[in-house]
Amino acid sequence: MNESDKTYYYAPPGGQASGPVSEQELRKLLEQGTIHESDNVIRKGETQWRQILSLIHISEPTRRSYI
């Protein structure tokens, strides 16, 4: 993975942004429970933050493990 793959920043609602990370790294952070579906993500060059869930579609078993 090279630096050009790292195009996302993420932040909990009302929290400080972290990154940049790749989409693959976002998935891993979500699976590990480091970040959550309700956290926000923005891609370099975009102006609108959105929930991670709108970007990454996780499987139902993975989702249940965090509820």
C-alpha atoms as a PDB file:
ATOM      1  CA  MET A   1       0.000   0.000   0.000  1.00  0.00           C
ATOM      2  CA  ASN A   2       1.344   3.391  -0.883  1.00  0.00           C
ATOM      3  CA  GLU A   3       0.599   6.833   0.492  1.00  0.00           C
ATOM      4  CA  SER A   4      -1.807   7.644  -2.356  1.00  0.00           C
ATOM      5  CA  ASP A   5      -4.144   4.901  -1.026  1.00  0.00           C
ATOM      6  CA  LYS A   6      -4.478   6.796   2.259  1.00  0.00           C
ATOM      7  CA  THR A   7      -7.291   9.111   1.348  1.00  0.00           C
ATOM      8  CA  TYR A   8      -9.631   9.025   4.368  1.00  0.00           C
ATOM      9  CA  TYR A   9      -9.825  10.772   7.707  1.00  0.00           C
ATOM     10  CA  TYR A  10     -12.129   9.566  10.468  1.00  0.00           C
ATOM     11  CA  ALA A  11     -13.492  11.024  13.700  1.00  0.00           C
ATOM     12  CA  PRO A  12     -16.060  10.168  16.360  1.00  0.00           C
ATOM     13  CA  PRO A  13     -19.031  12.550  16.485  1.00  0.00           C
ATOM     14  CA  GLY A  14     -17.718  15.777  18.017  1.00  0.00           C
ATOM     15  CA  GLY A  15     -14.192  14.350  18.225  1.00  0.00           C
ATOM     16  CA  GLN A  16     -10.847  15.039  16.633  1.00  0.00           C
ATOM     17  CA  ALA A  17      -9.994  13.677  13.184  1.00  0.00           C
ATOM     18  CA  SER A  18      -7.375  10.969  12.682  1.00  0.00           C
ATOM     19  CA  GLY A  19      -5.705   9.764   9.512  1.00  0.00           C
ATOM     20  CA  PRO A  20      -5.082   9.643   6.704  1.00  0.00           C
ATOM     21  CA  VAL A  21      -5.855   5.939   6.230  1.00  0.00           C
ATOM     22  CA  SER A  22      -6.893   3.718   3.346  1.00  0.00           C
ATOM     23  CA  GLU A  23     -10.347   2.178   2.989  1.00  0.00           C
ATOM     24  CA  GLN A  24      -8.779  -1.177   3.893  1.00  0.00           C
ATOM     25  CA  GLU A  25      -7.386   0.316   7.114  1.00  0.00           C
ATOM     26  CA  LEU A  26     -10.823   1.788   7.914  1.00  0.00           C
ATOM     27  CA  ARG A  27     -12.345  -1.695   7.581  1.00  0.00           C
ATOM     28  CA  LYS A  28      -9.712  -3.162   9.882  1.00  0.00           C
ATOM     29  CA  LEU A  29     -10.228  -0.428  12.500  1.00  0.00           C
ATOM     30  CA  LEU A  30     -13.976  -1.066  12.368  1.00  0.00           C
ATOM     31  CA  GLU A  31     -13.530  -4.834  12.733  1.00  0.00           C
ATOM     32  CA  GLN A  32     -11.191  -4.290  15.703  1.00  0.00           C
ATOM     33  CA  GLY A  33     -13.688  -1.975  17.396  1.00  0.00           C
ATOM     34  CA  THR A  34     -11.270   0.957  17.295  1.00  0.00           C
ATOM     35  CA  ILE A  35     -13.817   2.965  15.315  1.00  0.00           C
ATOM     36  CA  HIS A  36     -17.593   2.569  15.169  1.00  0.00           C
ATOM     37  CA  GLU A  37     -20.373   2.711  12.589  1.00  0.00           C
ATOM     38  CA  SER A  38     -21.491   6.069  13.979  1.00  0.00           C
ATOM     39  CA  ASP A  39     -18.049   7.638  13.529  1.00  0.00           C
ATOM     40  CA  ASN A  40     -17.565  10.036  10.629  1.00  0.00           C
ATOM     41  CA  VAL A  41     -15.304   9.805   7.605  1.00  0.00           C
ATOM     42  CA  ILE A  42     -14.199  12.219   4.916  1.00  0.00           C
ATOM     43  CA  ARG A  43     -12.130  11.628   1.809  1.00  0.00           C
ATOM     44  CA  LYS A  44      -9.361  14.015   0.815  1.00  0.00           C
ATOM     45  CA  GLY A  45     -10.811  16.692  -1.434  1.00  0.00           C
ATOM     46  CA  GLU A  46     -14.389  16.286  -0.163  1.00  0.00           C
ATOM     47  CA  THR A  47     -16.134  18.881   1.976  1.00  0.00           C
ATOM     48  CA  GLN A  48     -18.861  16.769   3.617  1.00  0.00           C
ATOM     49  CA  TRP A  49     -18.294  14.352   6.492  1.00  0.00           C
ATOM     50  CA  ARG A  50     -20.504  11.236   6.520  1.00  0.00           C
ATOM     51  CA  GLN A  51     -20.966   8.192   8.712  1.00  0.00           C
ATOM     52  CA  ILE A  52     -18.518   5.360   8.110  1.00  0.00           C
ATOM     53  CA  LEU A  53     -21.460   3.023   7.563  1.00  0.00           C
ATOM     54  CA  SER A  54     -22.363   4.957   4.381  1.00  0.00           C
ATOM     55  CA  LEU A  55     -18.911   4.132   2.970  1.00  0.00           C
ATOM     56  CA  ILE A  56     -18.197   0.670   4.309  1.00  0.00           C
ATOM     57  CA  HIS A  57     -20.854  -2.008   4.174  1.00  0.00           C
ATOM     58  CA  ILE A  58     -20.010  -4.526   6.866  1.00  0.00           C
ATOM     59  CA  SER A  59     -21.416  -8.016   7.135  1.00  0.00           C
ATOM     60  CA  GLU A  60     -24.248  -8.764   9.554  1.00  0.00           C
ATOM     61  CA  PRO A  61     -22.149 -11.076  11.824  1.00  0.00           C
ATOM     62  CA  THR A  62     -19.496  -8.369  12.198  1.00  0.00           C
ATOM     63  CA  ARG A  63     -22.161  -5.765  12.961  1.00  0.00           C
ATOM     64  CA  ARG A  64     -23.739  -7.950  15.673  1.00  0.00           C
ATOM     65  CA  SER A  65     -20.411  -8.379  17.442  1.00  0.00           C
ATOM     66  CA  TYR A  66     -20.296  -4.635  18.177  1.00  0.00           C
ATOM     67  CA  ILE A  67     -23.851  -4.173  19.414  1.00  0.00           C
END
